[in-house]
Amino acid sequence: MTARVALRPEGLEITFPGAEALITLKRSLVLPWRDVVSARVERQSVAKRDLGLRVGGGYWPGWFATGHFTYRGRRGERQLWCAYRSETVLVIETVRPRPRRVVLQVEDAAGVAARINDVVGQPAA
C-alpha cells in the first residue's frame, strides 16, 4: 500500500488509491509547483518527531500514520501522512500551512525526491 506521486506540468499530483483514500480521508492532492519547497527521504522515526495530534485519519503506533495531523510546535499548521511500516518516507515541504508537510510511503522515494527537487530547483538531499 503506497501513495502515488506524479509530476505534472501544473504541479505535483498525489493520489491515494483504494483503502488509502478511506484512511487518509483524501483521494488526491495537487500541489502547484509554486507551493512546493523541497523533498527528501527521511527515516520514519525521525519524521514522526514532529507528528502532532491526529485531526482526521488513522494512527496505530508502529503500524501506520494516515490522514491529517497537527505539526508539533507549529500552531495552525498541518501535515498529511500516508505511511505504514516502511523504514524511510518521502517528506515534501510546502509553503502552505495546510498541509505544510506531506509524508508518504512511496516506491523509489529517493528517485521521486530527486525529480521533485530538480523541478523546484533544490539540490539533492
PDB file of N, CA and C in Angstrom:
ATOM      1  N   MET A   1       0.833  -1.172   0.000  1.00  0.00           N
ATOM      2  CA  MET A   1       0.000   0.000   0.000  1.00  0.00           C
ATOM      3  C   MET A   1       0.884   1.244   0.000  1.00  0.00           C
ATOM      4  N   THR A   2       0.802   1.987  -1.056  1.00  0.00           N
ATOM      5  CA  THR A   2       1.587   3.213  -1.151  1.00  0.00           C
ATOM      6  C   THR A   2       0.785   4.281  -1.878  1.00  0.00           C
ATOM      7  N   ALA A   3       1.162   5.506  -1.633  1.00  0.00           N
ATOM      8  CA  ALA A   3       0.585   6.624  -2.362  1.00  0.00           C
ATOM      9  C   ALA A   3       1.257   6.694  -3.732  1.00  0.00           C
ATOM     10  N   ARG A   4       0.605   7.356  -4.652  1.00  0.00           N
ATOM     11  CA  ARG A   4       1.182   7.551  -5.987  1.00  0.00           C
ATOM     12  C   ARG A   4       1.488   9.021  -6.187  1.00  0.00           C
ATOM     13  N   VAL A   5       2.678   9.307  -6.696  1.00  0.00           N
ATOM     14  CA  VAL A   5       3.110  10.679  -6.920  1.00  0.00           C
ATOM     15  C   VAL A   5       3.406  10.847  -8.403  1.00  0.00           C
ATOM     16  N   ALA A   6       2.792  11.859  -9.011  1.00  0.00           N
ATOM     17  CA  ALA A   6       3.022  12.155 -10.429  1.00  0.00           C
ATOM     18  C   ALA A   6       3.452  13.612 -10.563  1.00  0.00           C
ATOM     19  N   LEU A   7       4.491  13.832 -11.350  1.00  0.00           N
ATOM     20  CA  LEU A   7       4.953  15.182 -11.620  1.00  0.00           C
ATOM     21  C   LEU A   7       4.290  15.652 -12.909  1.00  0.00           C
ATOM     22  N   ARG A   8       3.430  16.628 -12.799  1.00  0.00           N
ATOM     23  CA  ARG A   8       2.684  17.177 -13.923  1.00  0.00           C
ATOM     24  C   ARG A   8       3.193  18.583 -14.216  1.00  0.00           C
ATOM     25  N   PRO A   9       2.942  19.102 -15.413  1.00  0.00           N
ATOM     26  CA  PRO A   9       3.383  20.473 -15.713  1.00  0.00           C
ATOM     27  C   PRO A   9       2.827  21.507 -14.729  1.00  0.00           C
ATOM     28  N   GLU A  10       1.600  21.305 -14.267  1.00  0.00           N
ATOM     29  CA  GLU A  10       0.970  22.273 -13.366  1.00  0.00           C
ATOM     30  C   GLU A  10       1.356  22.081 -11.903  1.00  0.00           C
ATOM     31  N   GLY A  11       1.884  20.905 -11.554  1.00  0.00           N
ATOM     32  CA  GLY A  11       2.276  20.679 -10.172  1.00  0.00           C
ATOM     33  C   GLY A  11       2.423  19.220  -9.822  1.00  0.00           C
ATOM     34  N   LEU A  12       2.532  18.985  -8.549  1.00  0.00           N
ATOM     35  CA  LEU A  12       2.725  17.652  -8.011  1.00  0.00           C
ATOM     36  C   LEU A  12       1.359  17.062  -7.694  1.00  0.00           C
ATOM     37  N   GLU A  13       1.060  15.907  -8.260  1.00  0.00           N
ATOM     38  CA  GLU A  13      -0.225  15.254  -8.034  1.00  0.00           C
ATOM     39  C   GLU A  13      -0.001  13.999  -7.194  1.00  0.00           C
ATOM     40  N   ILE A  14      -0.662  13.963  -6.046  1.00  0.00           N
ATOM     41  CA  ILE A  14      -0.559  12.827  -5.139  1.00  0.00           C
ATOM     42  C   ILE A  14      -1.929  12.169  -5.082  1.00  0.00           C
ATOM     43  N   THR A  15      -1.972  10.867  -5.339  1.00  0.00           N
ATOM     44  CA  THR A  15      -3.247  10.146  -5.261  1.00  0.00           C
ATOM     45  C   THR A  15      -3.124   9.009  -4.252  1.00  0.00           C
ATOM     46  N   PHE A  16      -4.240   8.760  -3.613  1.00  0.00           N
ATOM     47  CA  PHE A  16      -4.320   7.707  -2.612  1.00  0.00           C
ATOM     48  C   PHE A  16      -5.320   6.675  -3.122  1.00  0.00           C
ATOM     49  N   PRO A  17      -4.825   5.566  -3.661  1.00  0.00           N
ATOM     50  CA  PRO A  17      -5.722   4.573  -4.247  1.00  0.00           C
ATOM     51  C   PRO A  17      -6.424   3.708  -3.196  1.00  0.00           C
ATOM     52  N   GLY A  18      -7.612   3.246  -3.550  1.00  0.00           N
ATOM     53  CA  GLY A  18      -8.330   2.260  -2.745  1.00  0.00           C
ATOM     54  C   GLY A  18      -8.487   2.614  -1.289  1.00  0.00           C
ATOM     55  N   ALA A  19      -8.022   1.720  -0.440  1.00  0.00           N
ATOM     56  CA  ALA A  19      -8.174   1.873   1.006  1.00  0.00           C
ATOM     57  C   ALA A  19      -7.453   3.106   1.538  1.00  0.00           C
ATOM     58  N   GLU A  20      -6.369   3.506   0.886  1.00  0.00           N
ATOM     59  CA  GLU A  20      -5.645   4.697   1.333  1.00  0.00           C
ATOM     60  C   GLU A  20      -6.545   5.930   1.314  1.00  0.00           C
ATOM     61  N   ALA A  21      -7.414   6.029   0.317  1.00  0.00           N
ATOM     62  CA  ALA A  21      -8.339   7.169   0.233  1.00  0.00           C
ATOM     63  C   ALA A  21      -9.257   7.209   1.451  1.00  0.00           C
ATOM     64  N   LEU A  22      -9.658   6.045   1.919  1.00  0.00           N
ATOM     65  CA  LEU A  22     -10.535   5.985   3.092  1.00  0.00           C
ATOM     66  C   LEU A  22      -9.822   6.361   4.382  1.00  0.00           C
ATOM     67  N   ILE A  23      -8.620   5.826   4.572  1.00  0.00           N
ATOM     68  CA  ILE A  23      -7.962   6.055   5.855  1.00  0.00           C
ATOM     69  C   ILE A  23      -7.156   7.347   5.915  1.00  0.00           C
ATOM     70  N   THR A  24      -6.864   7.945   4.769  1.00  0.00           N
ATOM     71  CA  THR A  24      -6.231   9.262   4.798  1.00  0.00           C
ATOM     72  C   THR A  24      -7.263  10.376   4.736  1.00  0.00           C
ATOM     73  N   LEU A  25      -8.517  10.008   4.448  1.00  0.00           N
ATOM     74  CA  LEU A  25      -9.614  10.961   4.297  1.00  0.00           C
ATOM     75  C   LEU A  25      -9.357  11.925   3.147  1.00  0.00           C
ATOM     76  N   LYS A  26      -8.674  11.427   2.119  1.00  0.00           N
ATOM     77  CA  LYS A  26      -8.362  12.248   0.947  1.00  0.00           C
ATOM     78  C   LYS A  26      -8.114  11.312  -0.224  1.00  0.00           C
ATOM     79  N   ARG A  27      -8.697  11.647  -1.361  1.00  0.00           N
ATOM     80  CA  ARG A  27      -8.492  10.837  -2.561  1.00  0.00           C
ATOM     81  C   ARG A  27      -7.266  11.313  -3.332  1.00  0.00           C
ATOM     82  N   SER A  28      -7.078  12.644  -3.360  1.00  0.00           N
ATOM     83  CA  SER A  28      -5.927  13.185  -4.082  1.00  0.00           C
ATOM     84  C   SER A  28      -5.589  14.574  -3.556  1.00  0.00           C
ATOM     85  N   LEU A  29      -4.402  15.021  -3.915  1.00  0.00           N
ATOM     86  CA  LEU A  29      -3.933  16.353  -3.552  1.00  0.00           C
ATOM     87  C   LEU A  29      -3.064  16.844  -4.698  1.00  0.00           C
ATOM     88  N   VAL A  30      -3.320  18.045  -5.172  1.00  0.00           N
ATOM     89  CA  VAL A  30      -2.483  18.662  -6.198  1.00  0.00           C
ATOM     90  C   VAL A  30      -1.813  19.880  -5.582  1.00  0.00           C
ATOM     91  N   LEU A  31      -0.483  19.882  -5.604  1.00  0.00           N
ATOM     92  CA  LEU A  31       0.300  21.000  -5.097  1.00  0.00           C
ATOM     93  C   LEU A  31       0.922  21.727  -6.279  1.00  0.00           C
ATOM     94  N   PRO A  32       0.522  22.968  -6.554  1.00  0.00           N
ATOM     95  CA  PRO A  32       1.176  23.719  -7.628  1.00  0.00           C
ATOM     96  C   PRO A  32       2.666  23.841  -7.330  1.00  0.00           C
ATOM     97  N   TRP A  33       3.485  23.880  -8.354  1.00  0.00           N
ATOM     98  CA  TRP A  33       4.935  23.927  -8.159  1.00  0.00           C
ATOM     99  C   TRP A  33       5.352  25.119  -7.318  1.00  0.00           C
ATOM    100  N   ARG A  34       4.629  26.242  -7.400  1.00  0.00           N
ATOM    101  CA  ARG A  34       4.992  27.424  -6.606  1.00  0.00           C
ATOM    102  C   ARG A  34       4.845  27.165  -5.099  1.00  0.00           C
ATOM    103  N   ASP A  35       4.074  26.140  -4.713  1.00  0.00           N
ATOM    104  CA  ASP A  35       3.862  25.820  -3.301  1.00  0.00           C
ATOM    105  C   ASP A  35       4.835  24.772  -2.754  1.00  0.00           C
ATOM    106  N   VAL A  36       5.561  24.104  -3.641  1.00  0.00           N
ATOM    107  CA  VAL A  36       6.478  23.037  -3.218  1.00  0.00           C
ATOM    108  C   VAL A  36       7.861  23.629  -2.967  1.00  0.00           C
ATOM    109  N   VAL A  37       8.388  23.417  -1.765  1.00  0.00           N
ATOM    110  CA  VAL A  37       9.697  23.939  -1.398  1.00  0.00           C
ATOM    111  C   VAL A  37      10.798  22.924  -1.700  1.00  0.00           C
ATOM    112  N   SER A  38      10.624  21.686  -1.218  1.00  0.00           N
ATOM    113  CA  SER A  38      11.652  20.665  -1.390  1.00  0.00           C
ATOM    114  C   SER A  38      11.078  19.294  -1.050  1.00  0.00           C
ATOM    115  N   ALA A  39      11.890  18.280  -1.341  1.00  0.00           N
ATOM    116  CA  ALA A  39      11.532  16.905  -0.990  1.00  0.00           C
ATOM    117  C   ALA A  39      12.796  16.185  -0.528  1.00  0.00           C
ATOM    118  N   ARG A  40      12.599  15.251   0.380  1.00  0.00           N
ATOM    119  CA  ARG A  40      13.747  14.478   0.866  1.00  0.00           C
ATOM    120  C   ARG A  40      13.267  13.119   1.362  1.00  0.00           C
ATOM    121  N   VAL A  41      14.195  12.219   1.506  1.00  0.00           N
ATOM    122  CA  VAL A  41      13.922  10.918   2.114  1.00  0.00           C
ATOM    123  C   VAL A  41      14.403  11.005   3.554  1.00  0.00           C
ATOM    124  N   GLU A  42      13.570  10.528   4.460  1.00  0.00           N
ATOM    125  CA  GLU A  42      13.896  10.622   5.878  1.00  0.00           C
ATOM    126  C   GLU A  42      13.464   9.334   6.573  1.00  0.00           C
ATOM    127  N   ARG A  43      14.166   8.989   7.605  1.00  0.00           N
ATOM    128  CA  ARG A  43      13.743   7.834   8.406  1.00  0.00           C
ATOM    129  C   ARG A  43      12.386   8.179   9.015  1.00  0.00           C
ATOM    130  N   GLN A  44      11.470   7.234   8.982  1.00  0.00           N
ATOM    131  CA  GLN A  44      10.133   7.496   9.500  1.00  0.00           C
ATOM    132  C   GLN A  44      10.167   7.875  10.982  1.00  0.00           C
ATOM    133  N   SER A  45      11.060   7.259  11.730  1.00  0.00           N
ATOM    134  CA  SER A  45      11.156   7.576  13.161  1.00  0.00           C
ATOM    135  C   SER A  45      11.554   9.039  13.377  1.00  0.00           C
ATOM    136  N   VAL A  46      12.364   9.589  12.507  1.00  0.00           N
ATOM    137  CA  VAL A  46      12.765  10.999  12.600  1.00  0.00           C
ATOM    138  C   VAL A  46      11.599  11.900  12.195  1.00  0.00           C
ATOM    139  N   ALA A  47      10.906  11.550  11.120  1.00  0.00           N
ATOM    140  CA  ALA A  47       9.766  12.350  10.661  1.00  0.00           C
ATOM    141  C   ALA A  47       8.668  12.395  11.714  1.00  0.00           C
ATOM    142  N   LYS A  48       8.496  11.328  12.464  1.00  0.00           N
ATOM    143  CA  LYS A  48       7.434  11.268  13.472  1.00  0.00           C
ATOM    144  C   LYS A  48       7.697  12.160  14.682  1.00  0.00           C
ATOM    145  N   ARG A  49       8.912  12.653  14.824  1.00  0.00           N
ATOM    146  CA  ARG A  49       9.208  13.545  15.947  1.00  0.00           C
ATOM    147  C   ARG A  49       8.352  14.813  15.896  1.00  0.00           C
ATOM    148  N   ASP A  50       7.962  15.236  14.701  1.00  0.00           N
ATOM    149  CA  ASP A  50       7.152  16.442  14.527  1.00  0.00           C
ATOM    150  C   ASP A  50       5.671  16.129  14.372  1.00  0.00           C
ATOM    151  N   LEU A  51       5.297  14.884  14.547  1.00  0.00           N
ATOM    152  CA  LEU A  51       3.910  14.477  14.408  1.00  0.00           C
ATOM    153  C   LEU A  51       3.126  14.924  15.639  1.00  0.00           C
ATOM    154  N   GLY A  52       2.099  15.724  15.394  1.00  0.00           N
ATOM    155  CA  GLY A  52       1.272  16.221  16.494  1.00  0.00           C
ATOM    156  C   GLY A  52       0.019  15.384  16.648  1.00  0.00           C
ATOM    157  N   LEU A  53      -1.050  16.033  17.031  1.00  0.00           N
ATOM    158  CA  LEU A  53      -2.317  15.351  17.260  1.00  0.00           C
ATOM    159  C   LEU A  53      -2.993  14.967  15.951  1.00  0.00           C
ATOM    160  N   ARG A  54      -3.660  13.841  15.968  1.00  0.00           N
ATOM    161  CA  ARG A  54      -4.416  13.393  14.790  1.00  0.00           C
ATOM    162  C   ARG A  54      -5.684  14.226  14.695  1.00  0.00           C
ATOM    163  N   VAL A  55      -5.881  14.853  13.528  1.00  0.00           N
ATOM    164  CA  VAL A  55      -7.067  15.658  13.276  1.00  0.00           C
ATOM    165  C   VAL A  55      -8.118  14.804  12.577  1.00  0.00           C
ATOM    166  N   GLY A  56      -7.683  13.954  11.684  1.00  0.00           N
ATOM    167  CA  GLY A  56      -8.572  13.047  10.976  1.00  0.00           C
ATOM    168  C   GLY A  56      -7.750  11.994  10.270  1.00  0.00           C
ATOM    169  N   GLY A  57      -8.217  10.770  10.291  1.00  0.00           N
ATOM    170  CA  GLY A  57      -7.476   9.679   9.678  1.00  0.00           C
ATOM    171  C   GLY A  57      -7.220   8.594  10.692  1.00  0.00           C
ATOM    172  N   GLY A  58      -6.109   7.899  10.526  1.00  0.00           N
ATOM    173  CA  GLY A  58      -5.825   6.791  11.415  1.00  0.00           C
ATOM    174  C   GLY A  58      -4.402   6.817  11.929  1.00  0.00           C
ATOM    175  N   TYR A  59      -4.202   6.232  13.098  1.00  0.00           N
ATOM    176  CA  TYR A  59      -2.860   6.116  13.660  1.00  0.00           C
ATOM    177  C   TYR A  59      -2.827   4.920  14.590  1.00  0.00           C
ATOM    178  N   TRP A  60      -1.849   4.063  14.366  1.00  0.00           N
ATOM    179  CA  TRP A  60      -1.600   2.937  15.249  1.00  0.00           C
ATOM    180  C   TRP A  60      -0.090   2.871  15.409  1.00  0.00           C
ATOM    181  N   PRO A  61       0.430   3.175  16.604  1.00  0.00           N
ATOM    182  CA  PRO A  61       1.883   3.225  16.805  1.00  0.00           C
ATOM    183  C   PRO A  61       2.592   1.981  16.284  1.00  0.00           C
ATOM    184  N   GLY A  62       3.622   2.206  15.498  1.00  0.00           N
ATOM    185  CA  GLY A  62       4.410   1.113  14.939  1.00  0.00           C
ATOM    186  C   GLY A  62       3.812   0.473  13.701  1.00  0.00           C
ATOM    187  N   TRP A  63       2.576   0.842  13.344  1.00  0.00           N
ATOM    188  CA  TRP A  63       1.925   0.228  12.193  1.00  0.00           C
ATOM    189  C   TRP A  63       1.613   1.222  11.085  1.00  0.00           C
ATOM    190  N   PHE A  64       0.942   2.319  11.396  1.00  0.00           N
ATOM    191  CA  PHE A  64       0.617   3.279  10.345  1.00  0.00           C
ATOM    192  C   PHE A  64       0.254   4.649  10.910  1.00  0.00           C
ATOM    193  N   ALA A  65       0.458   5.655  10.073  1.00  0.00           N
ATOM    194  CA  ALA A  65       0.018   7.029  10.334  1.00  0.00           C
ATOM    195  C   ALA A  65      -0.573   7.511   9.016  1.00  0.00           C
ATOM    196  N   THR A  66      -1.864   7.769   9.008  1.00  0.00           N
ATOM    197  CA  THR A  66      -2.548   8.183   7.785  1.00  0.00           C
ATOM    198  C   THR A  66      -3.520   9.309   8.095  1.00  0.00           C
ATOM    199  N   GLY A  67      -3.594  10.264   7.223  1.00  0.00           N
ATOM    200  CA  GLY A  67      -4.545  11.349   7.389  1.00  0.00           C
ATOM    201  C   GLY A  67      -3.888  12.650   7.805  1.00  0.00           C
ATOM    202  N   HIS A  68      -4.677  13.468   8.475  1.00  0.00           N
ATOM    203  CA  HIS A  68      -4.276  14.825   8.824  1.00  0.00           C
ATOM    204  C   HIS A  68      -3.858  14.908  10.287  1.00  0.00           C
ATOM    205  N   PHE A  69      -2.720  15.557  10.519  1.00  0.00           N
ATOM    206  CA  PHE A  69      -2.162  15.706  11.857  1.00  0.00           C
ATOM    207  C   PHE A  69      -1.694  17.141  12.048  1.00  0.00           C
ATOM    208  N   THR A  70      -1.661  17.577  13.312  1.00  0.00           N
ATOM    209  CA  THR A  70      -1.062  18.874  13.580  1.00  0.00           C
ATOM    210  C   THR A  70       0.445  18.732  13.451  1.00  0.00           C
ATOM    211  N   TYR A  71       1.111  19.869  13.409  1.00  0.00           N
ATOM    212  CA  TYR A  71       2.568  19.903  13.291  1.00  0.00           C
ATOM    213  C   TYR A  71       3.089  20.351  14.655  1.00  0.00           C
ATOM    214  N   ARG A  72       3.760  19.470  15.341  1.00  0.00           N
ATOM    215  CA  ARG A  72       4.231  19.751  16.701  1.00  0.00           C
ATOM    216  C   ARG A  72       5.030  21.058  16.749  1.00  0.00           C
ATOM    217  N   GLY A  73       4.606  21.966  17.623  1.00  0.00           N
ATOM    218  CA  GLY A  73       5.324  23.223  17.810  1.00  0.00           C
ATOM    219  C   GLY A  73       5.018  24.288  16.779  1.00  0.00           C
ATOM    220  N   ARG A  74       4.105  24.026  15.861  1.00  0.00           N
ATOM    221  CA  ARG A  74       3.767  24.999  14.816  1.00  0.00           C
ATOM    222  C   ARG A  74       2.251  25.180  14.787  1.00  0.00           C
ATOM    223  N   ARG A  75       1.789  26.116  15.543  1.00  0.00           N
ATOM    224  CA  ARG A  75       0.354  26.357  15.689  1.00  0.00           C
ATOM    225  C   ARG A  75      -0.296  26.694  14.347  1.00  0.00           C
ATOM    226  N   GLY A  76      -1.399  26.014  14.059  1.00  0.00           N
ATOM    227  CA  GLY A  76      -2.163  26.274  12.841  1.00  0.00           C
ATOM    228  C   GLY A  76      -1.676  25.538  11.607  1.00  0.00           C
ATOM    229  N   GLU A  77      -0.566  24.847  11.708  1.00  0.00           N
ATOM    230  CA  GLU A  77      -0.039  24.118  10.558  1.00  0.00           C
ATOM    231  C   GLU A  77      -0.421  22.648  10.658  1.00  0.00           C
ATOM    232  N   ARG A  78      -0.593  22.029   9.490  1.00  0.00           N
ATOM    233  CA  ARG A  78      -1.000  20.627   9.433  1.00  0.00           C
ATOM    234  C   ARG A  78      -0.041  19.826   8.560  1.00  0.00           C
ATOM    235  N   GLN A  79      -0.100  18.516   8.757  1.00  0.00           N
ATOM    236  CA  GLN A  79       0.656  17.561   7.953  1.00  0.00           C
ATOM    237  C   GLN A  79      -0.321  16.552   7.373  1.00  0.00           C
ATOM    238  N   LEU A  80       0.010  16.023   6.227  1.00  0.00           N
ATOM    239  CA  LEU A  80      -0.754  14.933   5.635  1.00  0.00           C
ATOM    240  C   LEU A  80       0.177  13.731   5.561  1.00  0.00           C
ATOM    241  N   TRP A  81      -0.249  12.625   6.159  1.00  0.00           N
ATOM    242  CA  TRP A  81       0.565  11.416   6.217  1.00  0.00           C
ATOM    243  C   TRP A  81      -0.137  10.255   5.527  1.00  0.00           C
ATOM    244  N   CYS A  82       0.671   9.411   4.880  1.00  0.00           N
ATOM    245  CA  CYS A  82       0.213   8.118   4.383  1.00  0.00           C
ATOM    246  C   CYS A  82       1.425   7.191   4.424  1.00  0.00           C
ATOM    247  N   ALA A  83       1.703   6.664   5.604  1.00  0.00           N
ATOM    248  CA  ALA A  83       2.885   5.830   5.797  1.00  0.00           C
ATOM    249  C   ALA A  83       2.550   4.648   6.685  1.00  0.00           C
ATOM    250  N   TYR A  84       3.149   3.534   6.366  1.00  0.00           N
ATOM    251  CA  TYR A  84       2.925   2.301   7.106  1.00  0.00           C
ATOM    252  C   TYR A  84       4.215   1.909   7.815  1.00  0.00           C
ATOM    253  N   ARG A  85       4.680   0.714   7.641  1.00  0.00           N
ATOM    254  CA  ARG A  85       5.839   0.234   8.396  1.00  0.00           C
ATOM    255  C   ARG A  85       7.155   0.407   7.657  1.00  0.00           C
ATOM    256  N   SER A  86       7.192   1.239   6.660  1.00  0.00           N
ATOM    257  CA  SER A  86       8.416   1.490   5.921  1.00  0.00           C
ATOM    258  C   SER A  86       9.435   2.203   6.817  1.00  0.00           C
ATOM    259  N   GLU A  87      10.693   1.845   6.674  1.00  0.00           N
ATOM    260  CA  GLU A  87      11.741   2.483   7.473  1.00  0.00           C
ATOM    261  C   GLU A  87      11.953   3.932   7.043  1.00  0.00           C
ATOM    262  N   THR A  88      11.820   4.192   5.733  1.00  0.00           N
ATOM    263  CA  THR A  88      12.009   5.546   5.223  1.00  0.00           C
ATOM    264  C   THR A  88      10.740   6.054   4.545  1.00  0.00           C
ATOM    265  N   VAL A  89      10.596   7.371   4.511  1.00  0.00           N
ATOM    266  CA  VAL A  89       9.437   8.006   3.896  1.00  0.00           C
ATOM    267  C   VAL A  89       9.901   9.185   3.043  1.00  0.00           C
ATOM    268  N   LEU A  90       9.050   9.580   2.122  1.00  0.00           N
ATOM    269  CA  LEU A  90       9.257  10.776   1.317  1.00  0.00           C
ATOM    270  C   LEU A  90       8.623  11.934   2.059  1.00  0.00           C
ATOM    271  N   VAL A  91       9.383  12.992   2.308  1.00  0.00           N
ATOM    272  CA  VAL A  91       8.880  14.173   3.003  1.00  0.00           C
ATOM    273  C   VAL A  91       8.886  15.334   2.020  1.00  0.00           C
ATOM    274  N   ILE A  92       7.716  15.908   1.773  1.00  0.00           N
ATOM    275  CA  ILE A  92       7.574  17.034   0.858  1.00  0.00           C
ATOM    276  C   ILE A  92       7.214  18.259   1.681  1.00  0.00           C
ATOM    277  N   GLU A  93       8.052  19.282   1.614  1.00  0.00           N
ATOM    278  CA  GLU A  93       7.808  20.532   2.341  1.00  0.00           C
ATOM    279  C   GLU A  93       7.108  21.516   1.405  1.00  0.00           C
ATOM    280  N   THR A  94       6.133  22.256   1.949  1.00  0.00           N
ATOM    281  CA  THR A  94       5.398  23.238   1.146  1.00  0.00           C
ATOM    282  C   THR A  94       5.411  24.592   1.861  1.00  0.00           C
ATOM    283  N   VAL A  95       4.914  25.608   1.162  1.00  0.00           N
ATOM    284  CA  VAL A  95       4.742  26.924   1.773  1.00  0.00           C
ATOM    285  C   VAL A  95       3.346  27.075   2.358  1.00  0.00           C
ATOM    286  N   ARG A  96       2.475  26.142   2.086  1.00  0.00           N
ATOM    287  CA  ARG A  96       1.104  26.172   2.604  1.00  0.00           C
ATOM    288  C   ARG A  96       1.090  25.843   4.092  1.00  0.00           C
ATOM    289  N   PRO A  97       0.164  26.421   4.841  1.00  0.00           N
ATOM    290  CA  PRO A  97       0.049  25.985   6.235  1.00  0.00           C
ATOM    291  C   PRO A  97      -0.678  24.640   6.353  1.00  0.00           C
ATOM    292  N   ARG A  98      -1.503  24.312   5.351  1.00  0.00           N
ATOM    293  CA  ARG A  98      -2.280  23.068   5.367  1.00  0.00           C
ATOM    294  C   ARG A  98      -2.318  22.461   3.982  1.00  0.00           C
ATOM    295  N   PRO A  99      -1.518  21.479   3.704  1.00  0.00           N
ATOM    296  CA  PRO A  99      -0.507  20.867   4.556  1.00  0.00           C
ATOM    297  C   PRO A  99       0.844  21.557   4.395  1.00  0.00           C
ATOM    298  N   ARG A 100       1.510  21.799   5.496  1.00  0.00           N
ATOM    299  CA  ARG A 100       2.872  22.339   5.473  1.00  0.00           C
ATOM    300  C   ARG A 100       3.836  21.240   5.042  1.00  0.00           C
ATOM    301  N   ARG A 101       3.496  20.024   5.401  1.00  0.00           N
ATOM    302  CA  ARG A 101       4.371  18.893   5.078  1.00  0.00           C
ATOM    303  C   ARG A 101       3.509  17.701   4.701  1.00  0.00           C
ATOM    304  N   VAL A 102       3.975  16.976   3.674  1.00  0.00           N
ATOM    305  CA  VAL A 102       3.308  15.744   3.234  1.00  0.00           C
ATOM    306  C   VAL A 102       4.322  14.622   3.408  1.00  0.00           C
ATOM    307  N   VAL A 103       3.927  13.588   4.124  1.00  0.00           N
ATOM    308  CA  VAL A 103       4.823  12.466   4.401  1.00  0.00           C
ATOM    309  C   VAL A 103       4.192  11.210   3.818  1.00  0.00           C
ATOM    310  N   LEU A 104       4.926  10.567   2.894  1.00  0.00           N
ATOM    311  CA  LEU A 104       4.367   9.454   2.138  1.00  0.00           C
ATOM    312  C   LEU A 104       5.298   8.261   2.105  1.00  0.00           C
ATOM    313  N   GLN A 105       4.704   7.094   2.076  1.00  0.00           N
ATOM    314  CA  GLN A 105       5.435   5.876   1.767  1.00  0.00           C
ATOM    315  C   GLN A 105       5.228   5.646   0.277  1.00  0.00           C
ATOM    316  N   VAL A 106       6.303   5.704  -0.491  1.00  0.00           N
ATOM    317  CA  VAL A 106       6.228   5.508  -1.935  1.00  0.00           C
ATOM    318  C   VAL A 106       7.362   4.586  -2.376  1.00  0.00           C
ATOM    319  N   GLU A 107       7.167   3.982  -3.519  1.00  0.00           N
ATOM    320  CA  GLU A 107       8.250   3.202  -4.110  1.00  0.00           C
ATOM    321  C   GLU A 107       9.276   4.182  -4.665  1.00  0.00           C
ATOM    322  N   ASP A 108      10.536   3.875  -4.534  1.00  0.00           N
ATOM    323  CA  ASP A 108      11.637   4.702  -5.016  1.00  0.00           C
ATOM    324  C   ASP A 108      11.551   6.132  -4.488  1.00  0.00           C
ATOM    325  N   ALA A 109      11.487   6.261  -3.176  1.00  0.00           N
ATOM    326  CA  ALA A 109      11.381   7.583  -2.543  1.00  0.00           C
ATOM    327  C   ALA A 109      12.550   8.490  -2.931  1.00  0.00           C
ATOM    328  N   ALA A 110      13.759   7.940  -3.023  1.00  0.00           N
ATOM    329  CA  ALA A 110      14.922   8.751  -3.378  1.00  0.00           C
ATOM    330  C   ALA A 110      14.800   9.291  -4.797  1.00  0.00           C
ATOM    331  N   GLY A 111      14.328   8.474  -5.716  1.00  0.00           N
ATOM    332  CA  GLY A 111      14.150   8.923  -7.097  1.00  0.00           C
ATOM    333  C   GLY A 111      13.073   9.978  -7.217  1.00  0.00           C
ATOM    334  N   VAL A 112      11.975   9.799  -6.498  1.00  0.00           N
ATOM    335  CA  VAL A 112      10.885  10.782  -6.523  1.00  0.00           C
ATOM    336  C   VAL A 112      11.368  12.102  -5.937  1.00  0.00           C
ATOM    337  N   ALA A 113      12.090  12.049  -4.812  1.00  0.00           N
ATOM    338  CA  ALA A 113      12.615  13.266  -4.185  1.00  0.00           C
ATOM    339  C   ALA A 113      13.555  14.001  -5.129  1.00  0.00           C
ATOM    340  N   ALA A 114      14.420  13.270  -5.812  1.00  0.00           N
ATOM    341  CA  ALA A 114      15.363  13.894  -6.753  1.00  0.00           C
ATOM    342  C   ALA A 114      14.626  14.578  -7.898  1.00  0.00           C
ATOM    343  N   ARG A 115      13.594  13.934  -8.430  1.00  0.00           N
ATOM    344  CA  ARG A 115      12.838  14.536  -9.528  1.00  0.00           C
ATOM    345  C   ARG A 115      12.087  15.782  -9.078  1.00  0.00           C
ATOM    346  N   ILE A 116      11.518  15.744  -7.890  1.00  0.00           N
ATOM    347  CA  ILE A 116      10.828  16.931  -7.363  1.00  0.00           C
ATOM    348  C   ILE A 116      11.817  18.074  -7.171  1.00  0.00           C
ATOM    349  N   ASN A 117      12.962  17.787  -6.567  1.00  0.00           N
ATOM    350  CA  ASN A 117      13.969  18.826  -6.327  1.00  0.00           C
ATOM    351  C   ASN A 117      14.522  19.396  -7.627  1.00  0.00           C
ATOM    352  N   ASP A 118      14.616  18.577  -8.674  1.00  0.00           N
ATOM    353  CA  ASP A 118      15.044  19.092  -9.979  1.00  0.00           C
ATOM    354  C   ASP A 118      14.069  20.145 -10.479  1.00  0.00           C
ATOM    355  N   VAL A 119      12.779  19.884 -10.306  1.00  0.00           N
ATOM    356  CA  VAL A 119      11.752  20.810 -10.799  1.00  0.00           C
ATOM    357  C   VAL A 119      11.744  22.108  -9.979  1.00  0.00           C
ATOM    358  N   VAL A 120      11.836  21.996  -8.651  1.00  0.00           N
ATOM    359  CA  VAL A 120      11.749  23.196  -7.806  1.00  0.00           C
ATOM    360  C   VAL A 120      13.102  23.877  -7.594  1.00  0.00           C
ATOM    361  N   GLY A 121      14.153  23.303  -8.174  1.00  0.00           N
ATOM    362  CA  GLY A 121      15.462  23.952  -8.123  1.00  0.00           C
ATOM    363  C   GLY A 121      16.211  23.785  -6.815  1.00  0.00           C
ATOM    364  N   GLN A 122      15.962  22.708  -6.104  1.00  0.00           N
ATOM    365  CA  GLN A 122      16.673  22.439  -4.862  1.00  0.00           C
ATOM    366  C   GLN A 122      17.764  21.391  -5.120  1.00  0.00           C
ATOM    367  N   PRO A 123      18.891  21.504  -4.444  1.00  0.00           N
ATOM    368  CA  PRO A 123      19.912  20.460  -4.572  1.00  0.00           C
ATOM    369  C   PRO A 123      19.415  19.158  -3.945  1.00  0.00           C
ATOM    370  N   ALA A 124      19.903  18.050  -4.454  1.00  0.00           N
ATOM    371  CA  ALA A 124      19.520  16.735  -3.903  1.00  0.00           C
ATOM    372  C   ALA A 124      20.009  16.646  -2.458  1.00  0.00           C
ATOM    373  N   ALA A 125      19.150  16.119  -1.594  1.00  0.00           N
ATOM    374  CA  ALA A 125      19.499  15.986  -0.164  1.00  0.00           C
ATOM    375  C   ALA A 125      20.057  14.626   0.117  1.00  0.00           C
TER     376      ALA A 125
END
